[in-house]
């Protein structure tokens, strides 16, 4: 399964975590570089999702190499 199909198949988990996708960007020179920005009303649910075994397993299954850089921003 390619990363995009696997990412799309994980939509229900993101919805359950209260995440709304705002941007999904891929590097122009490096297609393995992916930046995804979400909006959430509940940062604690979003953090729990990013720390979940389910997300780690999904990323490993889709070939994510190394530790993702996850940041929480406020405005």
PDB file of N, CA and C in Angstrom:
ATOM      1  N   UNK A   1       0.850  -1.172   0.000  1.00  0.00           N
ATOM      2  CA  UNK A   1       0.000   0.000   0.000  1.00  0.00           C
ATOM      3  C   UNK A   1       0.899   1.240   0.000  1.00  0.00           C
ATOM      4  N   UNK A   2       0.614   2.159  -0.894  1.00  0.00           N
ATOM      5  CA  UNK A   2       1.419   3.388  -0.903  1.00  0.00           C
ATOM      6  C   UNK A   2       0.991   4.275   0.273  1.00  0.00           C
ATOM      7  N   UNK A   3       1.838   5.238   0.619  1.00  0.00           N
ATOM      8  CA  UNK A   3       1.601   6.031   1.829  1.00  0.00           C
ATOM      9  C   UNK A   3       0.286   6.796   1.777  1.00  0.00           C
ATOM     10  N   UNK A   4      -0.068   7.320   0.601  1.00  0.00           N
ATOM     11  CA  UNK A   4      -1.288   8.137   0.492  1.00  0.00           C
ATOM     12  C   UNK A   4      -2.532   7.279   0.694  1.00  0.00           C
ATOM     13  N   UNK A   5      -2.549   6.104   0.096  1.00  0.00           N
ATOM     14  CA  UNK A   5      -3.697   5.209   0.284  1.00  0.00           C
ATOM     15  C   UNK A   5      -3.807   4.786   1.746  1.00  0.00           C
ATOM     16  N   UNK A   6      -2.673   4.503   2.376  1.00  0.00           N
ATOM     17  CA  UNK A   6      -2.677   4.132   3.783  1.00  0.00           C
ATOM     18  C   UNK A   6      -3.096   5.279   4.675  1.00  0.00           C
ATOM     19  N   UNK A   7      -2.655   6.474   4.335  1.00  0.00           N
ATOM     20  CA  UNK A   7      -3.049   7.682   5.068  1.00  0.00           C
ATOM     21  C   UNK A   7      -4.561   7.883   4.936  1.00  0.00           C
ATOM     22  N   UNK A   8      -5.078   7.788   3.732  1.00  0.00           N
ATOM     23  CA  UNK A   8      -6.514   7.969   3.501  1.00  0.00           C
ATOM     24  C   UNK A   8      -7.336   6.921   4.251  1.00  0.00           C
ATOM     25  N   UNK A   9      -6.824   5.699   4.313  1.00  0.00           N
ATOM     26  CA  UNK A   9      -7.538   4.619   4.990  1.00  0.00           C
ATOM     27  C   UNK A   9      -7.596   4.827   6.498  1.00  0.00           C
ATOM     28  N   UNK A  10      -6.782   5.720   7.028  1.00  0.00           N
ATOM     29  CA  UNK A  10      -6.717   5.983   8.464  1.00  0.00           C
ATOM     30  C   UNK A  10      -7.585   7.186   8.862  1.00  0.00           C
ATOM     31  N   UNK A  11      -8.403   7.672   7.936  1.00  0.00           N
ATOM     32  CA  UNK A  11      -9.226   8.868   8.158  1.00  0.00           C
ATOM     33  C   UNK A  11     -10.109   8.759   9.393  1.00  0.00           C
ATOM     34  N   UNK A  12     -10.753   7.639   9.586  1.00  0.00           N
ATOM     35  CA  UNK A  12     -11.658   7.474  10.721  1.00  0.00           C
ATOM     36  C   UNK A  12     -10.941   7.714  12.043  1.00  0.00           C
ATOM     37  N   UNK A  13      -9.711   7.250  12.149  1.00  0.00           N
ATOM     38  CA  UNK A  13      -8.932   7.451  13.383  1.00  0.00           C
ATOM     39  C   UNK A  13      -8.646   8.937  13.606  1.00  0.00           C
ATOM     40  N   UNK A  14      -8.342   9.667  12.533  1.00  0.00           N
ATOM     41  CA  UNK A  14      -8.090  11.104  12.666  1.00  0.00           C
ATOM     42  C   UNK A  14      -9.365  11.842  13.070  1.00  0.00           C
ATOM     43  N   UNK A  15     -10.480  11.453  12.497  1.00  0.00           N
ATOM     44  CA  UNK A  15     -11.761  12.062  12.861  1.00  0.00           C
ATOM     45  C   UNK A  15     -12.064  11.776  14.331  1.00  0.00           C
ATOM     46  N   UNK A  16     -11.857  10.535  14.762  1.00  0.00           N
ATOM     47  CA  UNK A  16     -12.094  10.172  16.164  1.00  0.00           C
ATOM     48  C   UNK A  16     -11.215  10.992  17.111  1.00  0.00           C
ATOM     49  N   UNK A  17     -10.031  11.387  16.641  1.00  0.00           N
ATOM     50  CA  UNK A  17      -9.106  12.182  17.453  1.00  0.00           C
ATOM     51  C   UNK A  17      -9.444  13.676  17.395  1.00  0.00           C
ATOM     52  N   UNK A  18     -10.464  14.031  16.623  1.00  0.00           N
ATOM     53  CA  UNK A  18     -10.888  15.430  16.540  1.00  0.00           C
ATOM     54  C   UNK A  18     -10.043  16.265  15.597  1.00  0.00           C
ATOM     55  N   UNK A  19      -9.360  15.622  14.653  1.00  0.00           N
ATOM     56  CA  UNK A  19      -8.483  16.343  13.726  1.00  0.00           C
ATOM     57  C   UNK A  19      -9.198  16.630  12.408  1.00  0.00           C
ATOM     58  N   UNK A  20      -9.033  17.843  11.915  1.00  0.00           N
ATOM     59  CA  UNK A  20      -9.532  18.229  10.603  1.00  0.00           C
ATOM     60  C   UNK A  20      -8.334  18.618   9.754  1.00  0.00           C
ATOM     61  N   UNK A  21      -8.127  17.907   8.664  1.00  0.00           N
ATOM     62  CA  UNK A  21      -6.992  18.194   7.788  1.00  0.00           C
ATOM     63  C   UNK A  21      -7.183  19.540   7.106  1.00  0.00           C
ATOM     64  N   UNK A  22      -6.158  20.376   7.172  1.00  0.00           N
ATOM     65  CA  UNK A  22      -6.173  21.665   6.502  1.00  0.00           C
ATOM     66  C   UNK A  22      -5.258  21.665   5.285  1.00  0.00           C
ATOM     67  N   UNK A  23      -4.081  21.078   5.419  1.00  0.00           N
ATOM     68  CA  UNK A  23      -3.117  21.022   4.309  1.00  0.00           C
ATOM     69  C   UNK A  23      -2.401  19.685   4.325  1.00  0.00           C
ATOM     70  N   UNK A  24      -2.207  19.120   3.162  1.00  0.00           N
ATOM     71  CA  UNK A  24      -1.354  17.956   2.967  1.00  0.00           C
ATOM     72  C   UNK A  24      -0.414  18.330   1.835  1.00  0.00           C
ATOM     73  N   UNK A  25       0.860  18.509   2.161  1.00  0.00           N
ATOM     74  CA  UNK A  25       1.850  18.995   1.205  1.00  0.00           C
ATOM     75  C   UNK A  25       2.964  17.972   1.038  1.00  0.00           C
ATOM     76  N   UNK A  26       3.496  17.904  -0.167  1.00  0.00           N
ATOM     77  CA  UNK A  26       4.592  16.993  -0.480  1.00  0.00           C
ATOM     78  C   UNK A  26       5.730  17.817  -1.047  1.00  0.00           C
ATOM     79  N   UNK A  27       6.955  17.467  -0.636  1.00  0.00           N
ATOM     80  CA  UNK A  27       8.112  18.215  -1.088  1.00  0.00           C
ATOM     81  C   UNK A  27       8.242  18.234  -2.601  1.00  0.00           C
ATOM     82  N   UNK A  28       8.542  19.388  -3.152  1.00  0.00           N
ATOM     83  CA  UNK A  28       8.707  19.525  -4.601  1.00  0.00           C
ATOM     84  C   UNK A  28       9.925  18.731  -5.086  1.00  0.00           C
ATOM     85  N   UNK A  29      11.008  18.819  -4.350  1.00  0.00           N
ATOM     86  CA  UNK A  29      12.243  18.121  -4.740  1.00  0.00           C
ATOM     87  C   UNK A  29      12.355  16.754  -4.098  1.00  0.00           C
ATOM     88  N   UNK A  30      11.719  16.560  -2.967  1.00  0.00           N
ATOM     89  CA  UNK A  30      11.779  15.276  -2.259  1.00  0.00           C
ATOM     90  C   UNK A  30      10.356  14.828  -1.936  1.00  0.00           C
ATOM     91  N   UNK A  31       9.783  13.944  -2.759  1.00  0.00           N
ATOM     92  CA  UNK A  31       8.408  13.507  -2.529  1.00  0.00           C
ATOM     93  C   UNK A  31       8.237  12.700  -1.241  1.00  0.00           C
ATOM     94  N   UNK A  32       9.344  12.298  -0.611  1.00  0.00           N
ATOM     95  CA  UNK A  32       9.254  11.601   0.668  1.00  0.00           C
ATOM     96  C   UNK A  32       9.069  12.572   1.829  1.00  0.00           C
ATOM     97  N   UNK A  33       9.226  13.858   1.563  1.00  0.00           N
ATOM     98  CA  UNK A  33       8.982  14.875   2.585  1.00  0.00           C
ATOM     99  C   UNK A  33       7.503  15.252   2.519  1.00  0.00           C
ATOM    100  N   UNK A  34       6.803  15.026   3.615  1.00  0.00           N
ATOM    101  CA  UNK A  34       5.367  15.286   3.666  1.00  0.00           C
ATOM    102  C   UNK A  34       5.092  16.162   4.884  1.00  0.00           C
ATOM    103  N   UNK A  35       4.293  17.203   4.678  1.00  0.00           N
ATOM    104  CA  UNK A  35       3.864  18.084   5.766  1.00  0.00           C
ATOM    105  C   UNK A  35       2.338  18.068   5.782  1.00  0.00           C
ATOM    106  N   UNK A  36       1.793  17.776   6.950  1.00  0.00           N
ATOM    107  CA  UNK A  36       0.339  17.744   7.093  1.00  0.00           C
ATOM    108  C   UNK A  36      -0.018  18.684   8.241  1.00  0.00           C
ATOM    109  N   UNK A  37      -0.972  19.569   7.996  1.00  0.00           N
ATOM    110  CA  UNK A  37      -1.430  20.491   9.038  1.00  0.00           C
ATOM    111  C   UNK A  37      -2.894  20.194   9.332  1.00  0.00           C
ATOM    112  N   UNK A  38      -3.176  20.090  10.631  1.00  0.00           N
ATOM    113  CA  UNK A  38      -4.529  19.805  11.093  1.00  0.00           C
ATOM    114  C   UNK A  38      -5.010  20.930  11.995  1.00  0.00           C
ATOM    115  N   UNK A  39      -6.312  21.015  12.116  1.00  0.00           N
ATOM    116  CA  UNK A  39      -6.939  21.894  13.092  1.00  0.00           C
ATOM    117  C   UNK A  39      -7.659  21.000  14.092  1.00  0.00           C
ATOM    118  N   UNK A  40      -7.664  21.412  15.343  1.00  0.00           N
ATOM    119  CA  UNK A  40      -8.380  20.652  16.364  1.00  0.00           C
ATOM    120  C   UNK A  40      -8.944  21.599  17.411  1.00  0.00           C
ATOM    121  N   UNK A  41     -10.003  21.193  18.031  1.00  0.00           N
ATOM    122  CA  UNK A  41     -10.586  21.939  19.143  1.00  0.00           C
ATOM    123  C   UNK A  41     -10.119  21.368  20.479  1.00  0.00           C
ATOM    124  N   UNK A  42      -9.513  20.175  20.452  1.00  0.00           N
ATOM    125  CA  UNK A  42      -9.111  19.487  21.680  1.00  0.00           C
ATOM    126  C   UNK A  42      -7.669  19.003  21.540  1.00  0.00           C
ATOM    127  N   UNK A  43      -6.738  19.824  21.992  1.00  0.00           N
ATOM    128  CA  UNK A  43      -5.311  19.501  21.839  1.00  0.00           C
ATOM    129  C   UNK A  43      -4.947  18.223  22.584  1.00  0.00           C
ATOM    130  N   UNK A  44      -5.564  17.964  23.714  1.00  0.00           N
ATOM    131  CA  UNK A  44      -5.232  16.750  24.461  1.00  0.00           C
ATOM    132  C   UNK A  44      -5.595  15.496  23.673  1.00  0.00           C
ATOM    133  N   UNK A  45      -6.722  15.504  22.973  1.00  0.00           N
ATOM    134  CA  UNK A  45      -7.087  14.356  22.116  1.00  0.00           C
ATOM    135  C   UNK A  45      -6.105  14.222  20.959  1.00  0.00           C
ATOM    136  N   UNK A  46      -5.709  15.348  20.382  1.00  0.00           N
ATOM    137  CA  UNK A  46      -4.748  15.314  19.271  1.00  0.00           C
ATOM    138  C   UNK A  46      -3.410  14.758  19.741  1.00  0.00           C
ATOM    139  N   UNK A  47      -2.954  15.199  20.906  1.00  0.00           N
ATOM    140  CA  UNK A  47      -1.686  14.697  21.442  1.00  0.00           C
ATOM    141  C   UNK A  47      -1.768  13.209  21.738  1.00  0.00           C
ATOM    142  N   UNK A  48      -2.877  12.767  22.298  1.00  0.00           N
ATOM    143  CA  UNK A  48      -3.056  11.334  22.574  1.00  0.00           C
ATOM    144  C   UNK A  48      -2.970  10.530  21.282  1.00  0.00           C
ATOM    145  N   UNK A  49      -3.563  11.051  20.223  1.00  0.00           N
ATOM    146  CA  UNK A  49      -3.501  10.370  18.926  1.00  0.00           C
ATOM    147  C   UNK A  49      -2.069  10.287  18.419  1.00  0.00           C
ATOM    148  N   UNK A  50      -1.323  11.391  18.510  1.00  0.00           N
ATOM    149  CA  UNK A  50       0.047  11.389  17.987  1.00  0.00           C
ATOM    150  C   UNK A  50       0.964  10.479  18.787  1.00  0.00           C
ATOM    151  N   UNK A  51       0.597  10.178  20.029  1.00  0.00           N
ATOM    152  CA  UNK A  51       1.400   9.307  20.888  1.00  0.00           C
ATOM    153  C   UNK A  51       0.908   7.870  20.889  1.00  0.00           C
ATOM    154  N   UNK A  52      -0.122   7.573  20.106  1.00  0.00           N
ATOM    155  CA  UNK A  52      -0.748   6.250  20.147  1.00  0.00           C
ATOM    156  C   UNK A  52       0.061   5.186  19.408  1.00  0.00           C
ATOM    157  N   UNK A  53      -0.050   3.963  19.907  1.00  0.00           N
ATOM    158  CA  UNK A  53       0.578   2.820  19.248  1.00  0.00           C
ATOM    159  C   UNK A  53      -0.021   2.625  17.861  1.00  0.00           C
ATOM    160  N   UNK A  54      -1.314   2.906  17.731  1.00  0.00           N
ATOM    161  CA  UNK A  54      -1.985   2.750  16.439  1.00  0.00           C
ATOM    162  C   UNK A  54      -1.334   3.612  15.365  1.00  0.00           C
ATOM    163  N   UNK A  55      -1.051   4.875  15.692  1.00  0.00           N
ATOM    164  CA  UNK A  55      -0.428   5.764  14.705  1.00  0.00           C
ATOM    165  C   UNK A  55       0.997   5.312  14.399  1.00  0.00           C
ATOM    166  N   UNK A  56       1.753   4.935  15.426  1.00  0.00           N
ATOM    167  CA  UNK A  56       3.126   4.440  15.193  1.00  0.00           C
ATOM    168  C   UNK A  56       3.121   3.224  14.270  1.00  0.00           C
ATOM    169  N   UNK A  57       2.206   2.289  14.525  1.00  0.00           N
ATOM    170  CA  UNK A  57       2.110   1.082  13.691  1.00  0.00           C
ATOM    171  C   UNK A  57       1.734   1.434  12.256  1.00  0.00           C
ATOM    172  N   UNK A  58       0.807   2.368  12.085  1.00  0.00           N
ATOM    173  CA  UNK A  58       0.379   2.772  10.738  1.00  0.00           C
ATOM    174  C   UNK A  58       1.542   3.411   9.990  1.00  0.00           C
ATOM    175  N   UNK A  59       2.268   4.308  10.649  1.00  0.00           N
ATOM    176  CA  UNK A  59       3.396   4.974   9.995  1.00  0.00           C
ATOM    177  C   UNK A  59       4.487   3.959   9.630  1.00  0.00           C
ATOM    178  N   UNK A  60       4.750   3.021  10.518  1.00  0.00           N
ATOM    179  CA  UNK A  60       5.749   1.991  10.223  1.00  0.00           C
ATOM    180  C   UNK A  60       5.303   1.148   9.030  1.00  0.00           C
ATOM    181  N   UNK A  61       4.026   0.774   9.007  1.00  0.00           N
ATOM    182  CA  UNK A  61       3.481  -0.028   7.904  1.00  0.00           C
ATOM    183  C   UNK A  61       3.626   0.715   6.568  1.00  0.00           C
ATOM    184  N   UNK A  62       3.521   2.051   6.604  1.00  0.00           N
ATOM    185  CA  UNK A  62       3.566   2.844   5.378  1.00  0.00           C
ATOM    186  C   UNK A  62       4.974   3.303   5.015  1.00  0.00           C
ATOM    187  N   UNK A  63       5.971   2.882   5.805  1.00  0.00           N
ATOM    188  CA  UNK A  63       7.350   3.158   5.438  1.00  0.00           C
ATOM    189  C   UNK A  63       7.942   4.439   5.979  1.00  0.00           C
ATOM    190  N   UNK A  64       7.303   5.035   6.989  1.00  0.00           N
ATOM    191  CA  UNK A  64       7.892   6.229   7.593  1.00  0.00           C
ATOM    192  C   UNK A  64       9.219   5.829   8.233  1.00  0.00           C
ATOM    193  N   UNK A  65      10.256   6.561   7.881  1.00  0.00           N
ATOM    194  CA  UNK A  65      11.582   6.294   8.401  1.00  0.00           C
ATOM    195  C   UNK A  65      11.945   7.396   9.388  1.00  0.00           C
ATOM    196  N   UNK A  66      12.415   7.016  10.544  1.00  0.00           N
ATOM    197  CA  UNK A  66      12.808   8.012  11.537  1.00  0.00           C
ATOM    198  C   UNK A  66      11.618   8.517  12.328  1.00  0.00           C
ATOM    199  N   UNK A  67      11.909   9.431  13.217  1.00  0.00           N
ATOM    200  CA  UNK A  67      10.893  10.019  14.087  1.00  0.00           C
ATOM    201  C   UNK A  67      10.237  11.205  13.386  1.00  0.00           C
ATOM    202  N   UNK A  68       8.908  11.225  13.279  1.00  0.00           N
ATOM    203  CA  UNK A  68       8.254  12.387  12.663  1.00  0.00           C
ATOM    204  C   UNK A  68       8.400  13.614  13.552  1.00  0.00           C
ATOM    205  N   UNK A  69       8.385  14.762  12.951  1.00  0.00           N
ATOM    206  CA  UNK A  69       8.464  16.029  13.673  1.00  0.00           C
ATOM    207  C   UNK A  69       7.033  16.528  13.857  1.00  0.00           C
ATOM    208  N   UNK A  70       6.501  16.355  15.058  1.00  0.00           N
ATOM    209  CA  UNK A  70       5.112  16.737  15.343  1.00  0.00           C
ATOM    210  C   UNK A  70       5.136  17.963  16.234  1.00  0.00           C
ATOM    211  N   UNK A  71       4.419  19.008  15.812  1.00  0.00           N
ATOM    212  CA  UNK A  71       4.370  20.250  16.575  1.00  0.00           C
ATOM    213  C   UNK A  71       2.931  20.691  16.769  1.00  0.00           C
ATOM    214  N   UNK A  72       2.698  21.319  17.893  1.00  0.00           N
ATOM    215  CA  UNK A  72       1.383  21.869  18.188  1.00  0.00           C
ATOM    216  C   UNK A  72       1.524  23.371  18.241  1.00  0.00           C
ATOM    217  N   UNK A  73       0.731  24.073  17.432  1.00  0.00           N
ATOM    218  CA  UNK A  73       0.818  25.533  17.317  1.00  0.00           C
ATOM    219  C   UNK A  73      -0.493  26.149  17.778  1.00  0.00           C
ATOM    220  N   UNK A  74      -0.401  27.325  18.325  1.00  0.00           N
ATOM    221  CA  UNK A  74      -1.603  28.060  18.714  1.00  0.00           C
ATOM    222  C   UNK A  74      -1.586  29.415  18.038  1.00  0.00           C
ATOM    223  N   UNK A  75      -2.714  29.992  17.900  1.00  0.00           N
ATOM    224  CA  UNK A  75      -2.773  31.276  17.211  1.00  0.00           C
ATOM    225  C   UNK A  75      -3.539  32.303  17.965  1.00  0.00           C
TER     226      UNK A  75
END
